Each structure stands twice: as C-alpha cells, then as structure tokens.
Amino acid sequence: MWYGVFLWALVSSLFFHVPAGLLALFTLRHHKYGRFMSVSILLMGIVGPITAGILTSAAIAGVYRAAGKEMIPFEALTLGTGQTFCVVLVSFLRILATL
C-alpha cells in the first residue's frame, strides 16, 4: 500500500523537478557556479521523495491499515501527487516570503 503512494510521489516529483533542473542547466550553463544549482534541483527532486516520501507514505498506509480500508490505485495517485503538490506549494511560498 505504501509503495503505490511512494511511487506516485516520486514520479510526480520528478515530473516537476526534471524540467526545472534542465531549464536551470540550460540558462546557467555558462555561469561559473550557477550550473551546479541545476544539479541540486535534480537531487532535491530525487532525494526528497526518497527520504520524506517514504515516511509520509508509510504513515498514510498505516492509517489505512489501522482503519481496515483497502487503497485503490486512484487513491494512491491522489495521495502521491498531493504530497508533491504540498512540497511545491511550500517551496514557492518560502521563496516569496524572503522577498
């Protein structure tokens, strides 16, 4: 059960972070240190869901297991992409708060 939510969180995170990393790499390719920012964006898109995504997916699966409910694949999709949406939303709000 947790594996489905985790995979959707990982795939949806990569869906957001790979284009952002490639765009950063393309626009900052001539900058001395800026090109390494794209690597950090790509790593954040992979490492973030692996570390935090596993924990939150396991917590969601634990609640479902304790409630005795079965999780259909659409629920896993919704919860996994919801995790990514929350991470993207918090990331944008954090940047705007520093301006």
PDB file of N, CA and C in Angstrom:
ATOM      1  N   MET A   1       0.821  -1.187   0.000  1.00  0.00           N
ATOM      2  CA  MET A   1       0.000   0.000   0.000  1.00  0.00           C
ATOM      3  C   MET A   1       0.874   1.263   0.000  1.00  0.00           C
ATOM      4  N   TRP A   2       1.906   1.289   0.849  1.00  0.00           N
ATOM      5  CA  TRP A   2       2.752   2.476   0.906  1.00  0.00           C
ATOM      6  C   TRP A   2       3.570   2.615  -0.366  1.00  0.00           C
ATOM      7  N   TYR A   3       3.843   1.496  -1.013  1.00  0.00           N
ATOM      8  CA  TYR A   3       4.694   1.527  -2.197  1.00  0.00           C
ATOM      9  C   TYR A   3       4.014   2.270  -3.347  1.00  0.00           C
ATOM     10  N   GLY A   4       2.715   2.102  -3.503  1.00  0.00           N
ATOM     11  CA  GLY A   4       1.989   2.809  -4.554  1.00  0.00           C
ATOM     12  C   GLY A   4       2.005   4.313  -4.342  1.00  0.00           C
ATOM     13  N   VAL A   5       1.773   4.732  -3.108  1.00  0.00           N
ATOM     14  CA  VAL A   5       1.791   6.171  -2.802  1.00  0.00           C
ATOM     15  C   VAL A   5       3.200   6.722  -3.001  1.00  0.00           C
ATOM     16  N   PHE A   6       4.195   5.967  -2.561  1.00  0.00           N
ATOM     17  CA  PHE A   6       5.592   6.401  -2.720  1.00  0.00           C
ATOM     18  C   PHE A   6       5.963   6.547  -4.185  1.00  0.00           C
ATOM     19  N   LEU A   7       5.585   5.575  -5.015  1.00  0.00           N
ATOM     20  CA  LEU A   7       5.941   5.662  -6.437  1.00  0.00           C
ATOM     21  C   LEU A   7       5.282   6.851  -7.111  1.00  0.00           C
ATOM     22  N   TRP A   8       4.024   7.123  -6.781  1.00  0.00           N
ATOM     23  CA  TRP A   8       3.371   8.284  -7.377  1.00  0.00           C
ATOM     24  C   TRP A   8       3.998   9.583  -6.889  1.00  0.00           C
ATOM     25  N   ALA A   9       4.405   9.631  -5.637  1.00  0.00           N
ATOM     26  CA  ALA A   9       5.085  10.834  -5.134  1.00  0.00           C
ATOM     27  C   ALA A   9       6.423  11.028  -5.844  1.00  0.00           C
ATOM     28  N   LEU A  10       7.152   9.932  -6.063  1.00  0.00           N
ATOM     29  CA  LEU A  10       8.451  10.029  -6.744  1.00  0.00           C
ATOM     30  C   LEU A  10       8.279  10.448  -8.203  1.00  0.00           C
ATOM     31  N   VAL A  11       7.336   9.839  -8.902  1.00  0.00           N
ATOM     32  CA  VAL A  11       7.125  10.160 -10.316  1.00  0.00           C
ATOM     33  C   VAL A  11       6.640  11.591 -10.478  1.00  0.00           C
ATOM     34  N   SER A  12       5.703  12.015  -9.640  1.00  0.00           N
ATOM     35  CA  SER A  12       5.207  13.384  -9.779  1.00  0.00           C
ATOM     36  C   SER A  12       6.269  14.409  -9.376  1.00  0.00           C
ATOM     37  N   SER A  13       7.124  14.060  -8.425  1.00  0.00           N
ATOM     38  CA  SER A  13       8.214  14.957  -8.061  1.00  0.00           C
ATOM     39  C   SER A  13       9.205  15.090  -9.212  1.00  0.00           C
ATOM     40  N   LEU A  14       9.528  13.973  -9.833  1.00  0.00           N
ATOM     41  CA  LEU A  14      10.423  14.033 -10.996  1.00  0.00           C
ATOM     42  C   LEU A  14       9.785  14.809 -12.138  1.00  0.00           C
ATOM     43  N   PHE A  15       8.457  14.740 -12.263  1.00  0.00           N
ATOM     44  CA  PHE A  15       7.744  15.475 -13.300  1.00  0.00           C
ATOM     45  C   PHE A  15       7.938  16.984 -13.134  1.00  0.00           C
ATOM     46  N   PHE A  16       8.060  17.457 -11.892  1.00  0.00           N
ATOM     47  CA  PHE A  16       8.285  18.876 -11.651  1.00  0.00           C
ATOM     48  C   PHE A  16       9.767  19.243 -11.664  1.00  0.00           C
ATOM     49  N   HIS A  17      10.607  18.407 -11.091  1.00  0.00           N
ATOM     50  CA  HIS A  17      11.996  18.792 -10.875  1.00  0.00           C
ATOM     51  C   HIS A  17      12.901  18.574 -12.083  1.00  0.00           C
ATOM     52  N   VAL A  18      12.631  17.592 -12.911  1.00  0.00           N
ATOM     53  CA  VAL A  18      13.483  17.371 -14.089  1.00  0.00           C
ATOM     54  C   VAL A  18      13.385  18.539 -15.072  1.00  0.00           C
ATOM     55  N   PRO A  19      12.181  19.015 -15.439  1.00  0.00           N
ATOM     56  CA  PRO A  19      12.166  20.191 -16.323  1.00  0.00           C
ATOM     57  C   PRO A  19      12.785  21.434 -15.685  1.00  0.00           C
ATOM     58  N   ALA A  20      12.573  21.618 -14.376  1.00  0.00           N
ATOM     59  CA  ALA A  20      13.175  22.776 -13.707  1.00  0.00           C
ATOM     60  C   ALA A  20      14.694  22.666 -13.698  1.00  0.00           C
ATOM     61  N   GLY A  21      15.222  21.475 -13.451  1.00  0.00           N
ATOM     62  CA  GLY A  21      16.675  21.286 -13.467  1.00  0.00           C
ATOM     63  C   GLY A  21      17.265  21.476 -14.846  1.00  0.00           C
ATOM     64  N   LEU A  22      16.580  20.972 -15.870  1.00  0.00           N
ATOM     65  CA  LEU A  22      17.070  21.151 -17.236  1.00  0.00           C
ATOM     66  C   LEU A  22      17.016  22.611 -17.665  1.00  0.00           C
ATOM     67  N   LEU A  23      15.959  23.313 -17.255  1.00  0.00           N
ATOM     68  CA  LEU A  23      15.861  24.740 -17.561  1.00  0.00           C
ATOM     69  C   LEU A  23      16.976  25.516 -16.864  1.00  0.00           C
ATOM     70  N   ALA A  24      17.246  25.179 -15.608  1.00  0.00           N
ATOM     71  CA  ALA A  24      18.338  25.842 -14.883  1.00  0.00           C
ATOM     72  C   ALA A  24      19.682  25.524 -15.522  1.00  0.00           C
ATOM     73  N   LEU A  25      19.869  24.290 -15.938  1.00  0.00           N
ATOM     74  CA  LEU A  25      21.131  23.923 -16.593  1.00  0.00           C
ATOM     75  C   LEU A  25      21.303  24.665 -17.910  1.00  0.00           C
ATOM     76  N   PHE A  26      20.233  24.784 -18.669  1.00  0.00           N
ATOM     77  CA  PHE A  26      20.307  25.475 -19.958  1.00  0.00           C
ATOM     78  C   PHE A  26      20.570  26.962 -19.788  1.00  0.00           C
ATOM     79  N   THR A  27      19.908  27.590 -18.825  1.00  0.00           N
ATOM     80  CA  THR A  27      20.064  29.039 -18.678  1.00  0.00           C
ATOM     81  C   THR A  27      21.343  29.422 -17.934  1.00  0.00           C
ATOM     82  N   LEU A  28      21.855  28.533 -17.090  1.00  0.00           N
ATOM     83  CA  LEU A  28      23.051  28.865 -16.299  1.00  0.00           C
ATOM     84  C   LEU A  28      24.286  28.083 -16.731  1.00  0.00           C
ATOM     85  N   ARG A  29      24.289  27.576 -17.944  1.00  0.00           N
ATOM     86  CA  ARG A  29      25.394  26.706 -18.366  1.00  0.00           C
ATOM     87  C   ARG A  29      26.726  27.437 -18.476  1.00  0.00           C
ATOM     88  N   HIS A  30      26.714  28.751 -18.662  1.00  0.00           N
ATOM     89  CA  HIS A  30      27.965  29.497 -18.791  1.00  0.00           C
ATOM     90  C   HIS A  30      28.391  30.138 -17.470  1.00  0.00           C
ATOM     91  N   HIS A  31      27.552  30.064 -16.470  1.00  0.00           N
ATOM     92  CA  HIS A  31      27.877  30.654 -15.179  1.00  0.00           C
ATOM     93  C   HIS A  31      28.846  29.745 -14.424  1.00  0.00           C
ATOM     94  N   LYS A  32      29.764  30.369 -13.692  1.00  0.00           N
ATOM     95  CA  LYS A  32      30.808  29.597 -13.024  1.00  0.00           C
ATOM     96  C   LYS A  32      30.242  28.653 -11.969  1.00  0.00           C
ATOM     97  N   TYR A  33      29.355  29.135 -11.121  1.00  0.00           N
ATOM     98  CA  TYR A  33      28.790  28.301 -10.050  1.00  0.00           C
ATOM     99  C   TYR A  33      27.314  27.979 -10.274  1.00  0.00           C
ATOM    100  N   GLY A  34      26.662  28.716 -11.134  1.00  0.00           N
ATOM    101  CA  GLY A  34      25.229  28.544 -11.351  1.00  0.00           C
ATOM    102  C   GLY A  34      24.843  27.200 -11.931  1.00  0.00           C
ATOM    103  N   ARG A  35      25.727  26.609 -12.702  1.00  0.00           N
ATOM    104  CA  ARG A  35      25.387  25.321 -13.314  1.00  0.00           C
ATOM    105  C   ARG A  35      25.232  24.214 -12.273  1.00  0.00           C
ATOM    106  N   PHE A  36      25.825  24.396 -11.109  1.00  0.00           N
ATOM    107  CA  PHE A  36      25.675  23.387 -10.056  1.00  0.00           C
ATOM    108  C   PHE A  36      24.325  23.484  -9.357  1.00  0.00           C
ATOM    109  N   MET A  37      23.632  24.597  -9.526  1.00  0.00           N
ATOM    110  CA  MET A  37      22.295  24.723  -8.961  1.00  0.00           C
ATOM    111  C   MET A  37      21.329  23.751  -9.625  1.00  0.00           C
ATOM    112  N   SER A  38      21.519  23.514 -10.916  1.00  0.00           N
ATOM    113  CA  SER A  38      20.642  22.569 -11.595  1.00  0.00           C
ATOM    114  C   SER A  38      20.825  21.159 -11.055  1.00  0.00           C
ATOM    115  N   VAL A  39      22.049  20.816 -10.688  1.00  0.00           N
ATOM    116  CA  VAL A  39      22.300  19.506 -10.089  1.00  0.00           C
ATOM    117  C   VAL A  39      21.596  19.402  -8.741  1.00  0.00           C
ATOM    118  N   SER A  40      21.613  20.484  -7.969  1.00  0.00           N
ATOM    119  CA  SER A  40      20.933  20.453  -6.674  1.00  0.00           C
ATOM    120  C   SER A  40      19.420  20.360  -6.839  1.00  0.00           C
ATOM    121  N   ILE A  41      18.875  20.983  -7.877  1.00  0.00           N
ATOM    122  CA  ILE A  41      17.441  20.869  -8.139  1.00  0.00           C
ATOM    123  C   ILE A  41      17.089  19.430  -8.490  1.00  0.00           C
ATOM    124  N   LEU A  42      17.898  18.804  -9.330  1.00  0.00           N
ATOM    125  CA  LEU A  42      17.635  17.406  -9.693  1.00  0.00           C
ATOM    126  C   LEU A  42      17.789  16.477  -8.496  1.00  0.00           C
ATOM    127  N   LEU A  43      18.792  16.714  -7.666  1.00  0.00           N
ATOM    128  CA  LEU A  43      18.965  15.886  -6.472  1.00  0.00           C
ATOM    129  C   LEU A  43      17.816  16.075  -5.494  1.00  0.00           C
ATOM    130  N   MET A  44      17.321  17.293  -5.376  1.00  0.00           N
ATOM    131  CA  MET A  44      16.190  17.544  -4.498  1.00  0.00           C
ATOM    132  C   MET A  44      14.941  16.827  -4.989  1.00  0.00           C
ATOM    133  N   GLY A  45      14.807  16.714  -6.301  1.00  0.00           N
ATOM    134  CA  GLY A  45      13.662  16.007  -6.866  1.00  0.00           C
ATOM    135  C   GLY A  45      13.731  14.509  -6.666  1.00  0.00           C
ATOM    136  N   ILE A  46      14.906  13.980  -6.391  1.00  0.00           N
ATOM    137  CA  ILE A  46      15.055  12.534  -6.189  1.00  0.00           C
ATOM    138  C   ILE A  46      15.197  12.202  -4.705  1.00  0.00           C
ATOM    139  N   VAL A  47      16.060  12.927  -4.013  1.00  0.00           N
ATOM    140  CA  VAL A  47      16.342  12.607  -2.610  1.00  0.00           C
ATOM    141  C   VAL A  47      15.165  12.970  -1.705  1.00  0.00           C
ATOM    142  N   GLY A  48      14.489  14.056  -1.998  1.00  0.00           N
ATOM    143  CA  GLY A  48      13.350  14.477  -1.177  1.00  0.00           C
ATOM    144  C   GLY A  48      12.253  13.441  -1.093  1.00  0.00           C
ATOM    145  N   PRO A  49      11.754  12.955  -2.230  1.00  0.00           N
ATOM    146  CA  PRO A  49      10.719  11.920  -2.152  1.00  0.00           C
ATOM    147  C   PRO A  49      11.228  10.602  -1.580  1.00  0.00           C
ATOM    148  N   ILE A  50      12.508  10.313  -1.758  1.00  0.00           N
ATOM    149  CA  ILE A  50      13.012   9.052  -1.216  1.00  0.00           C
ATOM    150  C   ILE A  50      13.038   9.117   0.307  1.00  0.00           C
ATOM    151  N   THR A  51      13.463  10.235   0.871  1.00  0.00           N
ATOM    152  CA  THR A  51      13.554  10.306   2.332  1.00  0.00           C
ATOM    153  C   THR A  51      12.201  10.630   2.961  1.00  0.00           C
ATOM    154  N   ALA A  52      11.661  11.788   2.654  1.00  0.00           N
ATOM    155  CA  ALA A  52      10.396  12.197   3.270  1.00  0.00           C
ATOM    156  C   ALA A  52       9.209  11.455   2.674  1.00  0.00           C
ATOM    157  N   GLY A  53       9.291  11.119   1.401  1.00  0.00           N
ATOM    158  CA  GLY A  53       8.183  10.417   0.755  1.00  0.00           C
ATOM    159  C   GLY A  53       7.940   9.030   1.319  1.00  0.00           C
ATOM    160  N   ILE A  54       9.010   8.347   1.660  1.00  0.00           N
ATOM    161  CA  ILE A  54       8.853   7.013   2.256  1.00  0.00           C
ATOM    162  C   ILE A  54       8.170   7.133   3.616  1.00  0.00           C
ATOM    163  N   LEU A  55       8.577   8.100   4.409  1.00  0.00           N
ATOM    164  CA  LEU A  55       7.991   8.256   5.739  1.00  0.00           C
ATOM    165  C   LEU A  55       6.514   8.641   5.676  1.00  0.00           C
ATOM    166  N   THR A  56       6.180   9.610   4.848  1.00  0.00           N
ATOM    167  CA  THR A  56       4.782  10.033   4.767  1.00  0.00           C
ATOM    168  C   THR A  56       3.915   8.965   4.108  1.00  0.00           C
ATOM    169  N   SER A  57       4.456   8.265   3.131  1.00  0.00           N
ATOM    170  CA  SER A  57       3.689   7.186   2.504  1.00  0.00           C
ATOM    171  C   SER A  57       3.439   6.047   3.482  1.00  0.00           C
ATOM    172  N   ALA A  58       4.420   5.753   4.305  1.00  0.00           N
ATOM    173  CA  ALA A  58       4.242   4.721   5.323  1.00  0.00           C
ATOM    174  C   ALA A  58       3.225   5.167   6.370  1.00  0.00           C
ATOM    175  N   ALA A  59       3.221   6.442   6.709  1.00  0.00           N
ATOM    176  CA  ALA A  59       2.245   6.951   7.675  1.00  0.00           C
ATOM    177  C   ALA A  59       0.827   6.872   7.108  1.00  0.00           C
ATOM    178  N   ILE A  60       0.675   7.231   5.843  1.00  0.00           N
ATOM    179  CA  ILE A  60      -0.639   7.140   5.199  1.00  0.00           C
ATOM    180  C   ILE A  60      -1.099   5.689   5.127  1.00  0.00           C
ATOM    181  N   ALA A  61      -0.195   4.803   4.748  1.00  0.00           N
ATOM    182  CA  ALA A  61      -0.541   3.379   4.678  1.00  0.00           C
ATOM    183  C   ALA A  61      -0.875   2.820   6.057  1.00  0.00           C
ATOM    184  N   GLY A  62      -0.195   3.324   7.089  1.00  0.00           N
ATOM    185  CA  GLY A  62      -0.506   2.881   8.446  1.00  0.00           C
ATOM    186  C   GLY A  62      -1.895   3.291   8.886  1.00  0.00           C
ATOM    187  N   VAL A  63      -2.309   4.486   8.506  1.00  0.00           N
ATOM    188  CA  VAL A  63      -3.661   4.930   8.831  1.00  0.00           C
ATOM    189  C   VAL A  63      -4.690   4.074   8.095  1.00  0.00           C
ATOM    190  N   TYR A  64      -4.443   3.802   6.839  1.00  0.00           N
ATOM    191  CA  TYR A  64      -5.354   2.954   6.071  1.00  0.00           C
ATOM    192  C   TYR A  64      -5.410   1.549   6.673  1.00  0.00           C
ATOM    193  N   ARG A  65      -4.267   1.015   7.053  1.00  0.00           N
ATOM    194  CA  ARG A  65      -4.216  -0.328   7.637  1.00  0.00           C
ATOM    195  C   ARG A  65      -4.947  -0.373   8.967  1.00  0.00           C
ATOM    196  N   ALA A  66      -4.753   0.661   9.801  1.00  0.00           N
ATOM    197  CA  ALA A  66      -5.419   0.706  11.105  1.00  0.00           C
ATOM    198  C   ALA A  66      -6.929   0.851  10.957  1.00  0.00           C
ATOM    199  N   ALA A  67      -7.344   1.537   9.904  1.00  0.00           N
ATOM    200  CA  ALA A  67      -8.775   1.705   9.668  1.00  0.00           C
ATOM    201  C   ALA A  67      -9.387   0.482   8.990  1.00  0.00           C
ATOM    202  N   GLY A  68      -8.539  -0.416   8.513  1.00  0.00           N
ATOM    203  CA  GLY A  68      -9.038  -1.615   7.853  1.00  0.00           C
ATOM    204  C   GLY A  68      -9.558  -1.367   6.454  1.00  0.00           C
ATOM    205  N   LYS A  69      -9.081  -0.314   5.809  1.00  0.00           N
ATOM    206  CA  LYS A  69      -9.528   0.026   4.453  1.00  0.00           C
ATOM    207  C   LYS A  69      -8.531  -0.478   3.424  1.00  0.00           C
ATOM    208  N   GLU A  70      -9.022  -0.748   2.255  1.00  0.00           N
ATOM    209  CA  GLU A  70      -8.179  -1.060   1.103  1.00  0.00           C
ATOM    210  C   GLU A  70      -7.951   0.221   0.319  1.00  0.00           C
ATOM    211  N   MET A  71      -6.789   0.341  -0.270  1.00  0.00           N
ATOM    212  CA  MET A  71      -6.478   1.522  -1.067  1.00  0.00           C
ATOM    213  C   MET A  71      -6.556   1.154  -2.540  1.00  0.00           C
ATOM    214  N   ILE A  72      -7.414   1.867  -3.263  1.00  0.00           N
ATOM    215  CA  ILE A  72      -7.487   1.648  -4.706  1.00  0.00           C
ATOM    216  C   ILE A  72      -6.370   2.455  -5.363  1.00  0.00           C
ATOM    217  N   PRO A  73      -5.962   2.084  -6.579  1.00  0.00           N
ATOM    218  CA  PRO A  73      -4.843   2.790  -7.230  1.00  0.00           C
ATOM    219  C   PRO A  73      -5.078   4.294  -7.422  1.00  0.00           C
ATOM    220  N   PHE A  74      -6.322   4.699  -7.641  1.00  0.00           N
ATOM    221  CA  PHE A  74      -6.582   6.130  -7.813  1.00  0.00           C
ATOM    222  C   PHE A  74      -6.321   6.902  -6.526  1.00  0.00           C
ATOM    223  N   GLU A  75      -6.604   6.295  -5.382  1.00  0.00           N
ATOM    224  CA  GLU A  75      -6.294   6.942  -4.115  1.00  0.00           C
ATOM    225  C   GLU A  75      -4.784   7.090  -3.932  1.00  0.00           C
ATOM    226  N   ALA A  76      -4.033   6.078  -4.342  1.00  0.00           N
ATOM    227  CA  ALA A  76      -2.570   6.169  -4.268  1.00  0.00           C
ATOM    228  C   ALA A  76      -2.060   7.294  -5.160  1.00  0.00           C
ATOM    229  N   LEU A  77      -2.639   7.417  -6.351  1.00  0.00           N
ATOM    230  CA  LEU A  77      -2.262   8.501  -7.262  1.00  0.00           C
ATOM    231  C   LEU A  77      -2.571   9.845  -6.642  1.00  0.00           C
ATOM    232  N   THR A  78      -3.748   9.988  -6.074  1.00  0.00           N
ATOM    233  CA  THR A  78      -4.152  11.260  -5.478  1.00  0.00           C
ATOM    234  C   THR A  78      -3.271  11.628  -4.290  1.00  0.00           C
ATOM    235  N   LEU A  79      -2.995  10.663  -3.425  1.00  0.00           N
ATOM    236  CA  LEU A  79      -2.173  10.949  -2.253  1.00  0.00           C
ATOM    237  C   LEU A  79      -0.719  11.204  -2.620  1.00  0.00           C
ATOM    238  N   GLY A  80      -0.176  10.489  -3.590  1.00  0.00           N
ATOM    239  CA  GLY A  80       1.202  10.698  -4.016  1.00  0.00           C
ATOM    240  C   GLY A  80       1.409  12.037  -4.689  1.00  0.00           C
ATOM    241  N   THR A  81       0.516  12.385  -5.606  1.00  0.00           N
ATOM    242  CA  THR A  81       0.642  13.688  -6.257  1.00  0.00           C
ATOM    243  C   THR A  81       0.295  14.809  -5.292  1.00  0.00           C
ATOM    244  N   GLY A  82      -0.560  14.532  -4.312  1.00  0.00           N
ATOM    245  CA  GLY A  82      -0.864  15.532  -3.283  1.00  0.00           C
ATOM    246  C   GLY A  82       0.346  15.863  -2.440  1.00  0.00           C
ATOM    247  N   GLN A  83       1.162  14.862  -2.155  1.00  0.00           N
ATOM    248  CA  GLN A  83       2.401  15.110  -1.421  1.00  0.00           C
ATOM    249  C   GLN A  83       3.317  16.033  -2.220  1.00  0.00           C
ATOM    250  N   THR A  84       3.455  15.755  -3.502  1.00  0.00           N
ATOM    251  CA  THR A  84       4.310  16.596  -4.340  1.00  0.00           C
ATOM    252  C   THR A  84       3.748  18.002  -4.457  1.00  0.00           C
ATOM    253  N   PHE A  85       2.433  18.113  -4.591  1.00  0.00           N
ATOM    254  CA  PHE A  85       1.810  19.429  -4.681  1.00  0.00           C
ATOM    255  C   PHE A  85       2.076  20.237  -3.416  1.00  0.00           C
ATOM    256  N   CYS A  86       1.982  19.597  -2.262  1.00  0.00           N
ATOM    257  CA  CYS A  86       2.259  20.299  -0.999  1.00  0.00           C
ATOM    258  C   CYS A  86       3.715  20.752  -0.917  1.00  0.00           C
ATOM    259  N   VAL A  87       4.644  19.925  -1.372  1.00  0.00           N
ATOM    260  CA  VAL A  87       6.060  20.296  -1.359  1.00  0.00           C
ATOM    261  C   VAL A  87       6.318  21.466  -2.300  1.00  0.00           C
ATOM    262  N   VAL A  88       5.737  21.432  -3.491  1.00  0.00           N
ATOM    263  CA  VAL A  88       5.917  22.525  -4.455  1.00  0.00           C
ATOM    264  C   VAL A  88       5.290  23.802  -3.919  1.00  0.00           C
ATOM    265  N   LEU A  89       4.118  23.697  -3.310  1.00  0.00           N
ATOM    266  CA  LEU A  89       3.451  24.869  -2.752  1.00  0.00           C
ATOM    267  C   LEU A  89       4.268  25.495  -1.633  1.00  0.00           C
ATOM    268  N   VAL A  90       4.779  24.693  -0.724  1.00  0.00           N
ATOM    269  CA  VAL A  90       5.602  25.214   0.369  1.00  0.00           C
ATOM    270  C   VAL A  90       6.893  25.820  -0.180  1.00  0.00           C
ATOM    271  N   SER A  91       7.466  25.207  -1.209  1.00  0.00           N
ATOM    272  CA  SER A  91       8.694  25.751  -1.801  1.00  0.00           C
ATOM    273  C   SER A  91       8.458  27.136  -2.393  1.00  0.00           C
ATOM    274  N   PHE A  92       7.363  27.312  -3.103  1.00  0.00           N
ATOM    275  CA  PHE A  92       7.074  28.620  -3.682  1.00  0.00           C
ATOM    276  C   PHE A  92       6.753  29.646  -2.608  1.00  0.00           C
ATOM    277  N   LEU A  93       6.018  29.257  -1.582  1.00  0.00           N
ATOM    278  CA  LEU A  93       5.664  30.206  -0.539  1.00  0.00           C
ATOM    279  C   LEU A  93       6.883  30.606   0.280  1.00  0.00           C
ATOM    280  N   ARG A  94       7.806  29.717   0.470  1.00  0.00           N
ATOM    281  CA  ARG A  94       9.025  30.035   1.218  1.00  0.00           C
ATOM    282  C   ARG A  94       9.876  31.048   0.454  1.00  0.00           C
ATOM    283  N   ILE A  95       9.969  30.909  -0.849  1.00  0.00           N
ATOM    284  CA  ILE A  95      10.748  31.856  -1.658  1.00  0.00           C
ATOM    285  C   ILE A  95      10.092  33.228  -1.631  1.00  0.00           C
ATOM    286  N   LEU A  96       8.773  33.286  -1.762  1.00  0.00           N
ATOM    287  CA  LEU A  96       8.108  34.576  -1.779  1.00  0.00           C
ATOM    288  C   LEU A  96       8.177  35.257  -0.430  1.00  0.00           C
ATOM    289  N   ALA A  97       8.274  34.504   0.657  1.00  0.00           N
ATOM    290  CA  ALA A  97       8.348  35.119   1.984  1.00  0.00           C
ATOM    291  C   ALA A  97       9.695  35.804   2.202  1.00  0.00           C
ATOM    292  N   THR A  98      10.708  35.431   1.464  1.00  0.00           N
ATOM    293  CA  THR A  98      12.018  36.046   1.651  1.00  0.00           C
ATOM    294  C   THR A  98      12.214  37.293   0.814  1.00  0.00           C
ATOM    295  N   LEU A  99      11.287  37.595  -0.075  1.00  0.00           N
ATOM    296  CA  LEU A  99      11.456  38.768  -0.941  1.00  0.00           C
ATOM    297  C   LEU A  99      11.196  40.061  -0.234  1.00  0.00           C
TER     298      LEU A  99
END
